[in-house]
Amino acid sequence: MRKLSTLLVTSAFTASVLLTGCSSNNGDGGNNGTSTGNNEGTTSELKTGITLKLTRLGFNDVHPASKDLWMWKKYEEMSGVKVNWEEIPGASVGERKNIIMASSDLPDAFYQLGFSQGEIAKYGQQGIFIPLDDLIDKYAPNIKKLFEEHPEIKQAVTAPDGKVYSLPYVDTSKAFASLRIYINKNWLDKVGLQQPQTIDEFYNALKAFKEQDANGNGKADETGWYMPSGSVNWTLERQLLGSFGMGNGGLKAAESWIYLDDKGELQTVFNDPKYKEVWLYLKKLYTEGLLHPQTFTGVEYAQWVADGAKDMVGAFSWVGPNYLGDKVQDNFVGINALEGPNGDRIMNWLDNPARGISSFEITKANKYPAETIRWVDYFYGEEGSKFGTLGLEGETFKMVDGQPQYIDEIKNYEGGMQLGAFQYVDNVYGGYYPYVEPSEELRMGVKGTTVAEEINTDISELDKFAPAEVWPNFAPTEEESMEIDPILTDIGKYIDEMRVKFITGKADIEAEWDNYVKTLDKMGAKRYLEIKRAQYDRFKGSK
């Protein structure tokens, strides 16, 4: 399933749906037809027969509209809550979100929209998003249990004022919240090499691939590490941070350009001498033709997959080998982490269990906040988690030898099993839904495989090479966001520009590194570090 692929490739995607609270009937239901735990004294307070307006990200190019989707029609029957959906295509999210937030016509809740932490803090302090803490305590037993059992998840969604304004997308699986380097095992066998364990061995393998006709077709058409253009910075580069002593906070730390040094002090990655070493290593690969010559521009996903089918790809980075195509996935074996020059070997590209912190927000326009939190709480329990992925036994799946199996209409869908399931249920495509992902065993069982088979790596290494801490994004205050966002915008553009120049050799990294660092300082790098250190201190103090 390409859940993670959509999450990553469209990290800018996020959307909303605009809907209005309507009718209500007094009644004593409201438990969504599920066993959600002991909530004595609250169920009778909830109304049934209500209508909610929800704004969400739309995928109507690849599945039915939410109003027509089997899952949401079935859940309306189960919960007694009708939802009017407005679905926004990913390309329109930013513009539509700004229009909605500037208007007085708010939905009752945002579903899968993806507000930034700064926006959550701002709209929470402004009263546009309501605090959820008391609602969770009283009406959401599944979320309450999740927060009690995983305080790090509650910590991730808690704003600087100590309140929770949004709900998370949760995945506790290390296997499916991490990236590894996939290397062509057939090519390794052809050139007589073992699976690389160090960055030097990785270089030697890619060099052998290129020089020794690893695919055996008599042509010099092999590539070393190769992915669609623009992927190297957020895949291989971030993975290498764990090999060069800057990978001890996990993925979100890397995304924020921060790590802890040997003295336990927070530092920024982008101006660290060790980051220069990462770029020098990538420059070496590029200069010798071991990174694809179109690493930075010109190669789309379809071309890359086509080249993979022609046995032209030596290595790439992803959560599983099937991203390059089902026909060649068995040719690749996963390297979870490479040892660097000073012995560092950390699987840096590992996400926090709270993979998204902005999956569901209730607005001040909502007349039924208790009913709304109870409606979404279902998906944070085991039953709702299974429902969002599999549906219901006898309707969308059946049990075979103790394992759930999708019905034939899903398994044999022309676009593949994932899109087949997406014609019935919601939580199998796109990511950032408000719910907890099912167990690894259930997810793999429905595909007829195992975790080890799915990611084709030594799964014991997932714990062995994981960072000691996997940080969430540190929650900024509204004031910090106003200051930090323009700094990051300027710095980010400059880093992107210089990455290409330094790695391709258009600029001399040795001669120009000091000027690069000074330019970052002029853009606010030192102030950025001060703010991140303050956020880290708050994070540590809240544990």
Protein backbone atom coordinates (compact mmCIF):
# COMPACT_ATOMS: atom_id res chain seq x y z
CA MET A 1 0.00 0.00 0.00
CA ARG A 2 1.23 3.47 -0.84
CA LYS A 3 -0.01 5.14 2.33
CA LEU A 4 3.46 6.34 3.25
CA SER A 5 4.29 7.29 -0.31
CA THR A 6 1.42 9.74 -0.45
CA LEU A 7 2.33 10.99 2.99
CA LEU A 8 5.85 11.79 1.89
CA VAL A 9 5.62 12.83 -1.70
CA THR A 10 2.72 15.14 -1.00
CA SER A 11 3.80 16.46 2.37
CA ALA A 12 2.32 19.79 1.31
CA PHE A 13 -1.01 18.15 0.67
CA THR A 14 -3.76 18.74 3.21
CA ALA A 15 -7.35 19.65 2.81
CA SER A 16 -10.59 20.52 4.48
CA VAL A 17 -14.30 20.03 4.24
CA LEU A 18 -16.87 22.61 5.09
CA LEU A 19 -20.04 21.45 6.81
CA THR A 20 -22.64 22.77 9.21
CA GLY A 21 -24.21 21.42 12.38
CA CYS A 22 -27.94 20.92 11.86
CA SER A 23 -30.79 18.98 13.33
CA SER A 24 -30.82 17.18 16.63
CA ASN A 25 -33.02 14.75 18.45
CA ASN A 26 -32.74 14.18 22.13
CA GLY A 27 -31.96 10.56 22.82
CA ASP A 28 -29.74 8.30 24.75
CA GLY A 29 -27.64 6.75 22.02
CA GLY A 30 -24.46 8.31 20.78
CA ASN A 31 -22.09 5.43 21.42
CA ASN A 32 -21.57 5.01 17.68
CA GLY A 33 -22.79 1.46 17.82
CA THR A 34 -19.51 0.32 19.32
CA SER A 35 -18.01 -0.82 22.56
CA THR A 36 -15.82 2.16 23.32
CA GLY A 37 -15.19 1.60 26.97
CA ASN A 38 -16.68 2.64 30.28
CA ASN A 39 -18.17 6.09 29.97
CA GLU A 40 -20.92 5.81 32.57
CA GLY A 41 -22.88 8.98 33.10
CA THR A 42 -22.03 10.44 29.70
CA THR A 43 -23.78 8.36 27.04
CA SER A 44 -27.25 9.57 27.96
CA GLU A 45 -26.12 13.17 27.49
CA LEU A 46 -25.33 12.65 23.81
CA LYS A 47 -27.78 13.38 21.02
CA THR A 48 -28.47 11.24 17.98
CA GLY A 49 -29.91 12.26 14.63
CA ILE A 50 -27.56 15.22 14.32
CA THR A 51 -25.81 16.46 11.21
CA LEU A 52 -22.23 17.69 11.15
CA LYS A 53 -20.34 19.69 8.54
CA LEU A 54 -16.76 18.44 8.02
CA THR A 55 -14.07 19.82 5.75
CA ARG A 56 -11.54 17.32 4.45
CA LEU A 57 -8.91 16.43 1.89
CA GLY A 58 -10.49 15.00 -1.26
CA PHE A 59 -9.34 12.03 -3.31
CA ASN A 60 -12.30 11.93 -5.67
CA ASP A 61 -10.07 11.26 -8.66
CA VAL A 62 -9.34 7.78 -7.30
CA HIS A 63 -12.33 6.84 -5.15
CA PRO A 64 -16.00 7.71 -4.60
CA ALA A 65 -16.96 10.94 -2.89
CA SER A 66 -17.18 10.54 0.87
CA LYS A 67 -20.98 10.84 0.79
CA ASP A 68 -21.06 7.78 -1.47
CA LEU A 69 -18.26 5.75 0.12
CA TRP A 70 -19.37 2.47 1.69
CA MET A 71 -17.51 3.19 4.94
CA TRP A 72 -19.15 6.53 5.64
CA LYS A 73 -22.63 5.36 4.69
CA LYS A 74 -22.21 2.38 6.99
CA TYR A 75 -20.82 4.50 9.83
CA GLU A 76 -23.80 6.84 9.57
CA GLU A 77 -26.03 3.83 10.26
CA MET A 78 -23.82 2.73 13.15
CA SER A 79 -23.37 6.14 14.80
CA GLY A 80 -26.66 7.93 14.16
CA VAL A 81 -24.61 10.92 12.96
CA LYS A 82 -24.97 12.26 9.43
CA VAL A 83 -22.00 14.05 7.92
CA ASN A 84 -22.10 16.55 5.09
CA TRP A 85 -18.67 16.56 3.50
CA GLU A 86 -16.86 19.22 1.55
CA GLU A 87 -13.83 17.66 -0.12
CA ILE A 88 -10.98 19.83 -1.35
CA PRO A 89 -8.43 18.60 -3.91
CA GLY A 90 -4.85 18.70 -2.66
CA ALA A 91 -3.82 21.39 -5.14
CA SER A 92 -6.44 23.76 -3.75
CA VAL A 93 -5.87 23.16 -0.06
CA GLY A 94 -3.74 26.16 0.81
CA GLU A 95 -5.96 28.69 -0.92
CA ARG A 96 -9.21 27.15 0.34
CA LYS A 97 -7.93 26.86 3.89
CA ASN A 98 -7.04 30.56 3.97
CA ILE A 99 -10.49 31.50 2.68
CA ILE A 100 -12.25 29.37 5.28
CA MET A 101 -10.20 30.62 8.20
CA ALA A 102 -10.71 34.23 7.17
CA SER A 103 -14.48 33.80 6.93
CA SER A 104 -17.19 33.35 9.51
CA ASP A 105 -18.48 30.24 7.72
CA LEU A 106 -16.55 27.58 9.61
CA PRO A 107 -17.23 23.85 9.44
CA ASP A 108 -17.97 21.92 12.59
CA ALA A 109 -14.62 20.18 12.29
CA PHE A 110 -11.63 19.78 10.00
CA TYR A 111 -10.76 16.23 8.97
CA GLN A 112 -7.30 15.33 7.60
CA LEU A 113 -6.52 18.93 6.68
CA GLY A 114 -3.01 19.27 8.08
CA PHE A 115 -2.73 22.59 9.90
CA SER A 116 0.79 23.44 11.02
CA GLN A 117 1.60 23.44 14.71
CA GLY A 118 1.86 27.22 14.60
CA GLU A 119 -1.58 27.46 13.05
CA ILE A 120 -3.02 25.10 15.66
CA ALA A 121 -1.58 27.23 18.48
CA LYS A 122 -2.80 30.44 16.85
CA TYR A 123 -6.33 29.29 16.13
CA GLY A 124 -6.52 27.64 19.53
CA GLN A 125 -5.55 30.85 21.31
CA GLN A 126 -7.99 32.78 19.15
CA GLY A 127 -10.79 30.40 20.14
CA ILE A 128 -11.43 29.20 16.57
CA PHE A 129 -10.34 25.68 17.54
CA ILE A 130 -11.83 24.58 20.85
CA PRO A 131 -9.77 22.74 23.49
CA LEU A 132 -10.49 19.02 23.52
CA ASP A 133 -9.07 17.98 26.90
CA ASP A 134 -12.33 17.91 28.89
CA LEU A 135 -14.23 16.40 25.96
CA ILE A 136 -11.69 13.61 25.68
CA ASP A 137 -11.81 12.94 29.40
CA LYS A 138 -15.59 12.70 29.42
CA TYR A 139 -16.65 11.39 26.00
CA ALA A 140 -13.64 9.80 24.26
CA PRO A 141 -12.50 6.68 26.13
CA ASN A 142 -10.36 5.37 23.27
CA ILE A 143 -8.40 8.60 22.91
CA LYS A 144 -8.11 8.90 26.68
CA LYS A 145 -6.70 5.37 26.89
CA LEU A 146 -4.31 6.09 24.02
CA PHE A 147 -2.97 9.17 25.80
CA GLU A 148 -2.60 7.28 29.08
CA GLU A 149 -0.76 4.36 27.49
CA HIS A 150 1.34 6.54 25.18
CA PRO A 151 1.99 9.86 26.93
CA GLU A 152 4.44 10.77 24.16
CA ILE A 153 1.50 10.93 21.75
CA LYS A 154 -0.44 13.29 24.00
CA GLN A 155 2.71 15.33 24.43
CA ALA A 156 3.03 15.61 20.65
CA VAL A 157 -0.43 17.15 20.25
CA THR A 158 -0.30 19.40 23.32
CA ALA A 159 0.05 23.09 22.50
CA PRO A 160 2.40 25.38 24.45
CA ASP A 161 -0.55 26.58 26.55
CA GLY A 162 -0.98 23.01 27.79
CA LYS A 163 -4.18 22.30 25.87
CA VAL A 164 -5.02 19.82 23.12
CA TYR A 165 -6.69 21.38 20.07
CA SER A 166 -6.11 18.65 17.49
CA LEU A 167 -6.06 14.87 17.25
CA PRO A 168 -3.24 12.77 15.82
CA TYR A 169 -2.71 10.18 13.13
CA VAL A 170 -0.97 7.35 14.98
CA ASP A 171 1.22 4.51 13.79
CA THR A 172 3.32 2.70 16.38
CA SER A 173 5.01 0.40 13.85
CA LYS A 174 8.73 1.01 13.42
CA ALA A 175 8.67 -1.02 10.22
CA PHE A 176 6.18 1.22 8.45
CA ALA A 177 7.29 4.52 9.93
CA SER A 178 10.87 4.21 8.69
CA LEU A 179 12.86 4.35 5.47
CA ARG A 180 15.76 2.10 4.53
CA ILE A 181 18.13 1.94 1.59
CA TYR A 182 17.14 -0.83 -0.81
CA ILE A 183 20.04 -2.28 -2.76
CA ASN A 184 19.87 -4.65 -5.71
CA LYS A 185 20.73 -8.07 -4.27
CA ASN A 186 21.05 -9.67 -7.71
CA TRP A 187 23.65 -7.08 -8.62
CA LEU A 188 25.55 -7.64 -5.38
CA ASP A 189 25.72 -11.34 -6.21
CA LYS A 190 26.87 -10.57 -9.75
CA VAL A 191 29.78 -8.39 -8.57
CA GLY A 192 30.62 -10.69 -5.64
CA LEU A 193 29.83 -8.32 -2.76
CA GLN A 194 27.96 -8.70 0.49
CA GLN A 195 25.25 -6.32 1.64
CA PRO A 196 26.99 -3.05 2.64
CA GLN A 197 27.28 -2.23 6.32
CA THR A 198 29.22 1.06 6.08
CA ILE A 199 29.14 4.14 3.89
CA ASP A 200 32.43 3.04 2.31
CA GLU A 201 31.04 -0.39 1.48
CA PHE A 202 27.95 1.27 0.02
CA TYR A 203 30.16 3.44 -2.19
CA ASN A 204 32.16 0.40 -3.28
CA ALA A 205 29.00 -1.49 -4.18
CA LEU A 206 27.59 1.34 -6.28
CA LYS A 207 30.97 1.72 -8.00
CA ALA A 208 31.07 -1.99 -8.80
CA PHE A 209 27.53 -1.85 -10.17
CA LYS A 210 28.51 0.85 -12.60
CA GLU A 211 31.85 -0.59 -13.69
CA GLN A 212 31.11 -4.35 -13.84
CA ASP A 213 27.91 -4.57 -15.93
CA ALA A 214 25.90 -5.65 -12.89
CA ASN A 215 22.73 -6.35 -14.86
CA GLY A 216 24.64 -8.41 -17.40
CA ASN A 217 23.20 -6.88 -20.57
CA GLY A 218 26.51 -5.73 -21.99
CA LYS A 219 25.52 -2.07 -21.75
CA ALA A 220 26.70 0.66 -19.39
CA ASP A 221 23.12 1.48 -18.39
CA GLU A 222 23.31 0.68 -14.68
CA THR A 223 22.66 3.45 -12.19
CA GLY A 224 23.75 3.56 -8.59
CA TRP A 225 21.33 5.20 -6.14
CA TYR A 226 18.41 6.38 -8.24
CA MET A 227 14.99 7.82 -7.42
CA PRO A 228 12.61 10.36 -8.98
CA SER A 229 14.24 13.77 -9.15
CA GLY A 230 14.16 15.80 -5.96
CA SER A 231 13.96 12.77 -3.65
CA VAL A 232 17.56 12.67 -2.48
CA ASN A 233 17.31 15.53 0.01
CA TRP A 234 14.45 14.07 2.08
CA THR A 235 15.43 10.40 1.68
CA LEU A 236 19.10 9.49 1.33
CA GLU A 237 20.47 12.74 2.76
CA ARG A 238 18.36 12.46 5.91
CA GLN A 239 19.24 8.78 6.25
CA LEU A 240 22.92 9.68 6.14
CA LEU A 241 22.53 12.07 9.08
CA GLY A 242 22.42 8.93 11.22
CA SER A 243 25.78 7.86 9.79
CA PHE A 244 27.46 11.22 10.47
CA GLY A 245 26.50 11.79 14.10
CA MET A 246 23.41 13.92 13.59
CA GLY A 247 20.61 11.36 13.70
CA ASN A 248 19.59 11.08 17.33
CA GLY A 249 16.12 12.63 17.22
CA GLY A 250 14.42 10.74 14.42
CA LEU A 251 12.70 12.02 11.31
CA LYS A 252 10.96 15.08 12.71
CA ALA A 253 14.22 16.29 14.22
CA ALA A 254 15.82 15.96 10.80
CA GLU A 255 12.94 17.83 9.21
CA SER A 256 13.51 20.61 11.74
CA TRP A 257 17.29 20.58 11.15
CA ILE A 258 18.17 19.76 14.78
CA TYR A 259 20.08 17.12 16.74
CA LEU A 260 21.86 16.67 20.08
CA ASP A 261 25.66 16.87 20.10
CA ASP A 262 27.96 14.72 22.24
CA LYS A 263 27.45 17.07 25.19
CA GLY A 264 23.67 16.78 25.02
CA GLU A 265 23.21 20.28 23.62
CA LEU A 266 20.80 20.98 20.80
CA GLN A 267 22.46 22.04 17.55
CA THR A 268 21.34 22.84 14.01
CA VAL A 269 22.23 20.48 11.19
CA PHE A 270 22.32 22.84 8.23
CA ASN A 271 25.46 24.74 9.31
CA ASP A 272 27.27 21.92 11.12
CA PRO A 273 30.66 20.75 9.78
CA LYS A 274 29.30 17.19 9.88
CA TYR A 275 26.58 18.24 7.43
CA LYS A 276 29.32 19.44 5.12
CA GLU A 277 30.71 15.88 5.30
CA VAL A 278 27.31 14.49 4.25
CA TRP A 279 27.29 16.76 1.21
CA LEU A 280 30.90 15.85 0.38
CA TYR A 281 29.92 12.17 0.44
CA LEU A 282 26.97 12.82 -1.86
CA LYS A 283 29.21 14.95 -4.10
CA LYS A 284 31.60 12.00 -4.37
CA LEU A 285 28.74 9.72 -5.42
CA TYR A 286 27.45 12.26 -7.92
CA THR A 287 30.85 13.10 -9.42
CA GLU A 288 31.61 9.43 -10.04
CA GLY A 289 28.19 8.76 -11.57
CA LEU A 290 26.93 6.75 -8.61
CA LEU A 291 23.94 9.04 -8.17
CA HIS A 292 21.72 9.30 -11.22
CA PRO A 293 22.76 12.31 -13.35
CA GLN A 294 19.16 13.61 -13.15
CA THR A 295 19.02 13.36 -9.37
CA PHE A 296 17.81 16.93 -9.06
CA THR A 297 15.56 17.41 -12.08
CA GLY A 298 13.97 15.65 -15.03
CA VAL A 299 12.89 12.20 -13.82
CA GLU A 300 9.27 11.53 -12.85
CA TYR A 301 8.00 8.49 -10.95
CA ALA A 302 6.72 6.69 -14.06
CA GLN A 303 10.11 6.89 -15.79
CA TRP A 304 11.87 5.66 -12.67
CA VAL A 305 9.56 2.65 -12.37
CA ALA A 306 10.06 1.89 -16.07
CA ASP A 307 13.84 1.98 -15.58
CA GLY A 308 13.45 -0.30 -12.59
CA ALA A 309 11.53 -2.79 -14.70
CA LYS A 310 14.47 -2.73 -17.16
CA ASP A 311 16.85 -3.64 -14.30
CA MET A 312 18.67 -0.31 -14.34
CA VAL A 313 18.33 0.66 -10.63
CA GLY A 314 21.07 -0.24 -8.17
CA ALA A 315 19.67 1.30 -4.99
CA PHE A 316 16.90 3.57 -3.72
CA SER A 317 15.29 4.60 -0.42
CA TRP A 318 11.79 3.78 0.75
CA VAL A 319 9.70 2.03 3.38
CA GLY A 320 9.45 -1.10 1.23
CA PRO A 321 10.85 -2.40 -2.06
CA ASN A 322 7.46 -2.57 -3.80
CA TYR A 323 7.59 1.20 -4.42
CA LEU A 324 9.72 0.44 -7.47
CA GLY A 325 7.09 -2.03 -8.70
CA ASP A 326 5.82 -5.46 -7.77
CA LYS A 327 7.77 -7.14 -10.56
CA VAL A 328 11.19 -6.17 -9.21
CA GLN A 329 10.61 -5.83 -5.47
CA ASP A 330 12.11 -9.24 -4.69
CA ASN A 331 15.40 -8.12 -6.25
CA PHE A 332 16.05 -5.63 -3.42
CA VAL A 333 17.12 -6.05 0.20
CA GLY A 334 16.83 -3.32 2.83
CA ILE A 335 19.75 -1.66 4.63
CA ASN A 336 18.36 -0.08 7.81
CA ALA A 337 21.44 2.01 8.63
CA LEU A 338 24.99 2.45 7.39
CA GLU A 339 27.94 2.96 9.73
CA GLY A 340 29.68 6.28 9.23
CA PRO A 341 33.32 7.39 9.53
CA ASN A 342 33.18 7.72 13.32
CA GLY A 343 31.18 4.59 14.06
CA ASP A 344 27.74 6.25 14.07
CA ARG A 345 24.99 3.93 12.85
CA ILE A 346 21.46 5.17 13.56
CA MET A 347 18.28 4.60 11.60
CA ASN A 348 17.59 8.31 11.55
CA TRP A 349 14.63 8.22 9.17
CA LEU A 350 12.18 6.94 11.82
CA ASP A 351 9.02 8.85 12.57
CA ASN A 352 7.33 9.53 15.90
CA PRO A 353 4.20 7.42 16.60
CA ALA A 354 2.20 10.65 16.33
CA ARG A 355 2.95 10.80 12.64
CA GLY A 356 0.51 13.62 12.07
CA ILE A 357 -0.70 16.00 14.78
CA SER A 358 -3.44 17.77 12.83
CA SER A 359 -5.92 15.13 11.77
CA PHE A 360 -9.05 16.51 13.45
CA GLU A 361 -9.97 19.89 14.93
CA ILE A 362 -13.36 20.97 16.27
CA THR A 363 -14.27 24.60 15.67
CA LYS A 364 -16.20 27.12 17.68
CA ALA A 365 -19.09 26.81 15.18
CA ASN A 366 -19.81 23.27 16.37
CA LYS A 367 -23.06 22.96 18.37
CA TYR A 368 -22.36 19.31 19.22
CA PRO A 369 -18.73 19.00 20.37
CA ALA A 370 -19.45 16.05 22.67
CA GLU A 371 -21.16 14.10 19.91
CA THR A 372 -18.37 15.03 17.50
CA ILE A 373 -15.54 13.84 19.75
CA ARG A 374 -17.45 10.61 20.40
CA TRP A 375 -17.95 10.17 16.63
CA VAL A 376 -14.22 10.36 15.91
CA ASP A 377 -13.18 8.50 19.08
CA TYR A 378 -14.40 5.23 17.55
CA PHE A 379 -11.47 5.21 15.14
CA TYR A 380 -8.93 5.34 17.98
CA GLY A 381 -10.10 1.99 19.35
CA GLU A 382 -9.30 -1.47 18.05
CA GLU A 383 -12.71 -1.97 16.47
CA GLY A 384 -12.74 1.39 14.68
CA SER A 385 -9.13 1.00 13.58
CA LYS A 386 -10.00 -2.30 11.94
CA PHE A 387 -13.19 -0.84 10.44
CA GLY A 388 -11.35 2.07 8.83
CA THR A 389 -8.90 -0.28 7.13
CA LEU A 390 -10.87 -3.48 6.47
CA GLY A 391 -14.55 -2.58 6.82
CA LEU A 392 -16.83 -5.29 8.18
CA GLU A 393 -16.59 -9.06 8.01
CA GLY A 394 -19.00 -10.49 5.48
CA GLU A 395 -19.24 -7.20 3.59
CA THR A 396 -15.72 -6.07 2.67
CA PHE A 397 -13.60 -8.91 4.03
CA LYS A 398 -13.81 -12.54 5.09
CA MET A 399 -11.72 -14.65 7.44
CA VAL A 400 -9.45 -17.27 5.86
CA ASP A 401 -7.33 -19.48 8.11
CA GLY A 402 -7.69 -16.95 10.90
CA GLN A 403 -6.63 -13.98 8.77
CA PRO A 404 -8.84 -11.28 7.25
CA GLN A 405 -8.90 -11.28 3.46
CA TYR A 406 -10.53 -8.61 1.33
CA ILE A 407 -13.43 -9.67 -0.86
CA ASP A 408 -12.63 -10.55 -4.47
CA GLU A 409 -13.91 -7.20 -5.77
CA ILE A 410 -11.13 -5.55 -3.75
CA LYS A 411 -8.37 -8.10 -4.28
CA ASN A 412 -8.91 -8.21 -8.03
CA TYR A 413 -9.46 -4.49 -8.58
CA GLU A 414 -7.86 -3.33 -11.80
CA GLY A 415 -5.83 -0.63 -10.08
CA GLY A 416 -4.52 -3.00 -7.41
CA MET A 417 -5.62 -4.09 -3.95
CA GLN A 418 -4.98 -0.76 -2.26
CA LEU A 419 -7.15 1.24 -4.63
CA GLY A 420 -9.64 -1.60 -4.57
CA ALA A 421 -9.97 -1.21 -0.80
CA PHE A 422 -10.16 2.57 -1.28
CA GLN A 423 -13.42 2.12 -3.17
CA TYR A 424 -14.96 0.93 0.11
CA VAL A 425 -12.93 2.22 3.09
CA ASP A 426 -11.06 5.47 3.68
CA ASN A 427 -8.00 4.78 5.80
CA VAL A 428 -5.84 2.98 3.26
CA TYR A 429 -4.63 5.87 1.10
CA GLY A 430 -3.24 9.32 1.70
CA GLY A 431 -2.41 9.22 5.38
CA TYR A 432 -3.11 11.65 8.23
CA TYR A 433 -6.55 10.26 9.05
CA PRO A 434 -7.67 10.67 12.68
CA TYR A 435 -7.16 7.11 13.88
CA VAL A 436 -4.68 4.50 15.05
CA GLU A 437 -3.24 2.22 12.41
CA PRO A 438 -4.04 -1.47 12.98
CA SER A 439 -1.37 -3.91 14.06
CA GLU A 440 1.37 -4.89 11.65
CA GLU A 441 0.05 -8.44 11.67
CA LEU A 442 -3.43 -7.39 10.58
CA ARG A 443 -2.11 -5.08 7.87
CA MET A 444 0.11 -7.79 6.47
CA GLY A 445 -2.42 -10.57 6.97
CA VAL A 446 -4.87 -8.96 4.61
CA LYS A 447 -2.14 -8.90 1.96
CA GLY A 448 -1.15 -12.50 2.66
CA THR A 449 2.37 -11.62 3.76
CA THR A 450 4.46 -10.80 6.86
CA VAL A 451 6.31 -7.69 7.99
CA ALA A 452 9.69 -9.26 7.22
CA GLU A 453 8.52 -10.24 3.74
CA GLU A 454 6.94 -6.87 3.10
CA ILE A 455 10.02 -4.78 3.88
CA ASN A 456 12.62 -7.48 3.08
CA THR A 457 15.13 -6.57 5.75
CA ASP A 458 16.40 -7.77 9.12
CA ILE A 459 13.56 -6.55 11.31
CA SER A 460 15.61 -7.10 14.49
CA GLU A 461 17.68 -4.09 13.40
CA LEU A 462 14.67 -1.79 13.71
CA ASP A 463 15.14 -1.72 17.47
CA LYS A 464 18.92 -2.12 17.35
CA PHE A 465 19.55 0.97 15.23
CA ALA A 466 16.60 3.14 16.30
CA PRO A 467 17.42 6.54 17.87
CA ALA A 468 17.34 6.64 21.66
CA GLU A 469 14.55 9.20 21.36
CA VAL A 470 12.20 9.80 18.45
CA TRP A 471 11.01 13.37 18.93
CA PRO A 472 7.74 14.83 17.79
CA ASN A 473 7.69 18.29 16.25
CA PHE A 474 8.18 20.68 19.15
CA ALA A 475 5.08 22.80 19.61
CA PRO A 476 5.76 26.49 18.92
CA THR A 477 3.95 29.38 20.50
CA GLU A 478 2.10 31.70 18.15
CA GLU A 479 4.85 34.26 18.62
CA GLU A 480 7.58 31.72 17.84
CA SER A 481 5.77 30.67 14.68
CA MET A 482 5.51 34.24 13.47
CA GLU A 483 9.24 34.64 13.93
CA ILE A 484 10.45 31.25 12.82
CA ASP A 485 8.36 30.66 9.69
CA PRO A 486 9.96 33.42 7.57
CA ILE A 487 13.42 32.36 8.78
CA LEU A 488 12.80 28.78 7.71
CA THR A 489 11.37 29.86 4.38
CA ASP A 490 14.50 31.85 3.51
CA ILE A 491 16.89 29.26 4.90
CA GLY A 492 15.09 26.41 3.17
CA LYS A 493 15.29 28.03 -0.25
CA TYR A 494 18.97 28.79 0.23
CA ILE A 495 19.81 25.26 1.38
CA ASP A 496 18.00 23.80 -1.63
CA GLU A 497 19.97 26.07 -3.94
CA MET A 498 23.35 25.33 -2.38
CA ARG A 499 22.71 21.58 -2.09
CA VAL A 500 22.45 21.32 -5.86
CA LYS A 501 25.45 23.57 -6.46
CA PHE A 502 27.72 21.83 -3.95
CA ILE A 503 26.81 18.25 -4.86
CA THR A 504 26.96 18.79 -8.61
CA GLY A 505 30.21 20.75 -8.36
CA LYS A 506 28.81 24.02 -9.68
CA ALA A 507 30.11 25.56 -6.45
CA ASP A 508 33.27 24.57 -4.54
CA ILE A 509 32.05 23.35 -1.16
CA GLU A 510 35.51 23.61 0.43
CA ALA A 511 36.07 27.17 -0.76
CA GLU A 512 32.53 28.44 -0.15
CA TRP A 513 31.43 26.63 3.01
CA ASP A 514 32.31 29.50 5.36
CA ASN A 515 30.37 31.95 3.21
CA TYR A 516 27.44 29.53 3.16
CA VAL A 517 27.41 29.46 6.98
CA LYS A 518 27.68 33.26 7.21
CA THR A 519 24.76 33.63 4.79
CA LEU A 520 22.65 31.33 6.96
CA ASP A 521 23.53 33.49 9.98
CA LYS A 522 22.33 36.58 8.12
CA MET A 523 19.06 34.78 7.42
CA GLY A 524 18.48 34.11 11.12
CA ALA A 525 20.12 30.74 11.75
CA LYS A 526 21.30 31.70 15.24
CA ARG A 527 17.87 32.97 16.24
CA TYR A 528 16.32 29.79 14.85
CA LEU A 529 18.62 27.75 17.10
CA GLU A 530 17.66 29.84 20.14
CA ILE A 531 13.97 29.19 19.49
CA LYS A 532 14.47 25.45 18.92
CA ARG A 533 16.46 25.18 22.14
CA ALA A 534 13.64 26.90 24.04
CA GLN A 535 11.15 24.49 22.48
CA TYR A 536 13.35 21.51 23.35
CA ASP A 537 13.58 22.69 26.97
CA ARG A 538 9.77 22.89 27.11
CA PHE A 539 9.53 19.44 25.56
CA LYS A 540 11.90 17.93 28.12
CA GLY A 541 10.14 19.75 30.94
CA SER A 542 6.78 18.32 29.94
CA LYS A 543 7.94 14.69 29.95
